[in-house]
Amino acid sequence: MEIEKFAEKLKEALELENAGVLTSTTRFRELEDWSSLSVMSLIVLFDEEWGKEIGDKDIKDCQTIGDLYNLLNAK
C-alpha cells in the first residue's frame, strides 16, 4: 500500500476532519482532532483493516504518519 492511501485511510478511520492533507512528515499528535481515543481507534484499525497487532507503546514510539506507515510494514 502506498503511503498516500495509508494516510487517507487513517484520516477517515480516525475522523481527522480538520487535518487537511496528511503526508509522511505530518506529526499526528499535533493534529487538532487527535485524542486519547484516537490511539484506541488506531489499534483497532491496524487489527481489523490490516491484520496487524500493535499496542500503545508502538504508537508512542511513532512521531509522524511515515512512522506509523513503517510500523504497518514492519509488523
Protein backbone atom coordinates (compact mmCIF):
# COMPACT_ATOMS: atom_id res chain seq x y z
CA MET A 1 0.00 0.00 0.00
CA GLU A 2 1.24 3.47 -0.85
CA ILE A 3 1.67 5.95 1.97
CA GLU A 4 -0.89 8.31 0.43
CA LYS A 5 -3.60 5.62 0.63
CA PHE A 6 -2.47 4.75 4.15
CA ALA A 7 -2.73 8.40 5.21
CA GLU A 8 -6.22 8.74 3.73
CA LYS A 9 -7.35 5.55 5.50
CA LEU A 10 -6.03 6.95 8.79
CA LYS A 11 -7.78 10.26 8.23
CA GLU A 12 -11.07 8.52 7.55
CA ALA A 13 -10.88 5.93 10.32
CA LEU A 14 -9.71 8.37 12.99
CA GLU A 15 -12.18 11.05 11.87
CA LEU A 16 -9.45 13.65 11.47
CA GLU A 17 -11.80 16.04 9.69
CA ASN A 18 -9.74 19.17 10.21
CA ALA A 19 -6.40 17.58 9.36
CA GLY A 20 -6.08 18.72 5.76
CA VAL A 21 -3.70 16.67 3.63
CA LEU A 22 -1.67 14.15 5.62
CA THR A 23 1.87 13.45 4.47
CA SER A 24 4.63 11.18 5.70
CA THR A 25 6.06 14.07 7.74
CA THR A 26 2.77 15.05 9.43
CA ARG A 27 3.13 14.85 13.21
CA PHE A 28 -0.14 13.13 14.03
CA ARG A 29 -0.21 14.05 17.73
CA GLU A 30 -0.22 17.72 16.76
CA LEU A 31 -3.43 17.35 14.72
CA GLU A 32 -6.40 19.23 16.14
CA ASP A 33 -8.67 16.15 16.18
CA TRP A 34 -6.09 13.78 17.73
CA SER A 35 -7.14 12.48 21.17
CA SER A 36 -6.60 9.56 23.50
CA LEU A 37 -9.50 7.83 21.74
CA SER A 38 -7.51 8.08 18.52
CA VAL A 39 -4.95 5.67 19.99
CA MET A 40 -7.60 3.02 20.53
CA SER A 41 -9.06 3.62 17.08
CA LEU A 42 -5.61 3.27 15.55
CA ILE A 43 -5.04 -0.06 17.31
CA VAL A 44 -8.41 -1.32 16.04
CA LEU A 45 -7.70 -0.05 12.52
CA PHE A 46 -4.38 -1.87 12.32
CA ASP A 47 -6.01 -5.08 13.57
CA GLU A 48 -9.22 -5.06 11.56
CA GLU A 49 -8.03 -3.45 8.33
CA TRP A 50 -4.54 -4.92 8.02
CA GLY A 51 -4.45 -7.83 10.49
CA LYS A 52 -1.54 -6.26 12.40
CA GLU A 53 -1.38 -6.20 16.18
CA ILE A 54 0.09 -3.07 17.71
CA GLY A 55 -0.01 -1.61 21.18
CA ASP A 56 0.06 1.83 22.68
CA LYS A 57 3.84 1.56 23.17
CA ASP A 58 4.26 1.02 19.42
CA ILE A 59 2.26 4.18 18.81
CA LYS A 60 4.22 6.14 21.43
CA ASP A 61 7.41 5.29 19.55
CA CYS A 62 6.00 6.96 16.41
CA GLN A 63 6.03 10.68 15.71
CA THR A 64 4.83 11.03 12.12
CA ILE A 65 2.42 9.41 9.67
CA GLY A 66 5.52 7.94 8.00
CA ASP A 67 6.50 6.27 11.28
CA LEU A 68 3.04 4.68 11.51
CA TYR A 69 3.32 3.54 7.91
CA ASN A 70 6.70 1.97 8.67
CA LEU A 71 5.16 0.29 11.72
CA LEU A 72 2.50 -1.25 9.50
CA ASN A 73 5.11 -2.60 7.13
CA ALA A 74 7.45 -3.81 9.89
CA LYS A 75 4.98 -5.96 11.82
